Amino acid sequence: MAGLASGGLFVIGSLPSIIPFAASDDPTTGLIFSAVLTVTGLMILGIIKTWATRGNCATAALENLIIAGAGGALAYGVGLMFERIVE
């Protein structure tokens, strides 16, 4: 059950970054809307996290955004290295 719940939440969490590309013919427009929706979602999740931790809403939202941004940058870097290795 935990695995199914985790997988389902992962799919739901990825939708804001995928739907704009599916809904737009222009990749630039899709990227802009994807970025806006993703940042908004991450900030909202950070704020919701304070409900459980009783922390500062702004700090939690920014912390969530920074951690996800660092993960995205790391994944992008690994992708670039993999592309260079394969070529």
Protein backbone atom coordinates (compact mmCIF):
# COMPACT_ATOMS: atom_id res chain seq x y z
CA MET A 1 0.00 0.00 0.00
CA ALA A 2 2.81 2.41 0.84
CA GLY A 3 4.42 1.76 -2.55
CA LEU A 4 1.17 2.40 -4.39
CA ALA A 5 0.53 5.56 -2.41
CA SER A 6 4.07 6.78 -3.07
CA GLY A 7 3.79 6.03 -6.78
CA GLY A 8 0.42 7.74 -7.03
CA LEU A 9 1.67 10.85 -5.25
CA PHE A 10 4.72 10.91 -7.52
CA VAL A 11 2.46 10.89 -10.59
CA ILE A 12 0.24 13.62 -9.15
CA GLY A 13 3.28 15.72 -8.24
CA SER A 14 4.70 15.46 -11.75
CA LEU A 15 1.53 16.64 -13.48
CA PRO A 16 2.13 20.41 -13.10
CA SER A 17 5.41 20.09 -14.97
CA ILE A 18 4.03 17.81 -17.72
CA ILE A 19 0.54 19.12 -18.53
CA PRO A 20 1.72 22.49 -19.99
CA PHE A 21 3.83 20.66 -22.58
CA ALA A 22 0.90 18.44 -23.53
CA ALA A 23 -1.48 21.41 -23.75
CA SER A 24 0.77 23.74 -25.77
CA ASP A 25 2.10 23.48 -29.32
CA ASP A 26 4.92 25.93 -28.53
CA PRO A 27 7.76 24.45 -26.42
CA THR A 28 8.70 27.87 -25.02
CA THR A 29 5.16 28.51 -23.80
CA GLY A 30 5.03 25.01 -22.33
CA LEU A 31 8.33 25.60 -20.52
CA ILE A 32 7.19 28.92 -19.06
CA PHE A 33 3.86 27.55 -17.80
CA SER A 34 5.56 24.39 -16.55
CA ALA A 35 8.06 26.45 -14.55
CA VAL A 36 5.35 28.68 -13.08
CA LEU A 37 3.13 25.74 -12.09
CA THR A 38 6.05 23.75 -10.68
CA VAL A 39 7.36 26.64 -8.57
CA THR A 40 3.84 27.40 -7.36
CA GLY A 41 3.24 23.77 -6.44
CA LEU A 42 6.56 23.49 -4.60
CA MET A 43 5.87 26.66 -2.65
CA ILE A 44 2.37 25.47 -1.71
CA LEU A 45 3.75 22.12 -0.54
CA GLY A 46 6.34 23.93 1.56
CA ILE A 47 3.59 26.00 3.17
CA ILE A 48 1.47 22.89 3.81
CA LYS A 49 4.51 21.25 5.42
CA THR A 50 4.39 23.88 8.16
CA TRP A 51 1.03 22.49 9.25
CA ALA A 52 2.85 19.40 10.51
CA THR A 53 6.13 21.02 11.59
CA ARG A 54 4.70 24.24 13.07
CA GLY A 55 7.51 26.16 11.35
CA ASN A 56 7.64 29.41 9.41
CA CYS A 57 5.57 29.28 6.20
CA ALA A 58 7.92 31.43 4.11
CA THR A 59 11.03 29.56 5.26
CA ALA A 60 9.46 26.16 4.58
CA ALA A 61 8.24 27.22 1.11
CA LEU A 62 11.67 28.58 0.15
CA GLU A 63 13.42 25.52 1.60
CA ASN A 64 11.20 23.21 -0.46
CA LEU A 65 11.91 25.24 -3.62
CA ILE A 66 15.70 25.22 -3.04
CA ILE A 67 15.87 21.49 -2.35
CA ALA A 68 13.79 20.65 -5.45
CA GLY A 69 15.84 23.09 -7.54
CA ALA A 70 19.08 21.49 -6.41
CA GLY A 71 17.68 18.05 -7.25
CA GLY A 72 16.62 19.25 -10.69
CA ALA A 73 20.03 20.81 -11.34
CA LEU A 74 21.77 17.60 -10.28
CA ALA A 75 19.52 15.50 -12.53
CA TYR A 76 20.20 17.88 -15.44
CA GLY A 77 23.95 17.62 -14.86
CA VAL A 78 23.83 13.83 -14.75
CA GLY A 79 21.83 13.86 -17.99
CA LEU A 80 24.44 16.05 -19.68
CA MET A 81 27.27 13.77 -18.51
CA PHE A 82 25.40 10.70 -19.70
CA GLU A 83 24.84 12.29 -23.12
CA ARG A 84 28.55 13.02 -23.44
CA ILE A 85 29.49 9.49 -22.41
CA VAL A 86 27.07 7.94 -24.93
CA GLU A 87 28.30 10.13 -27.80
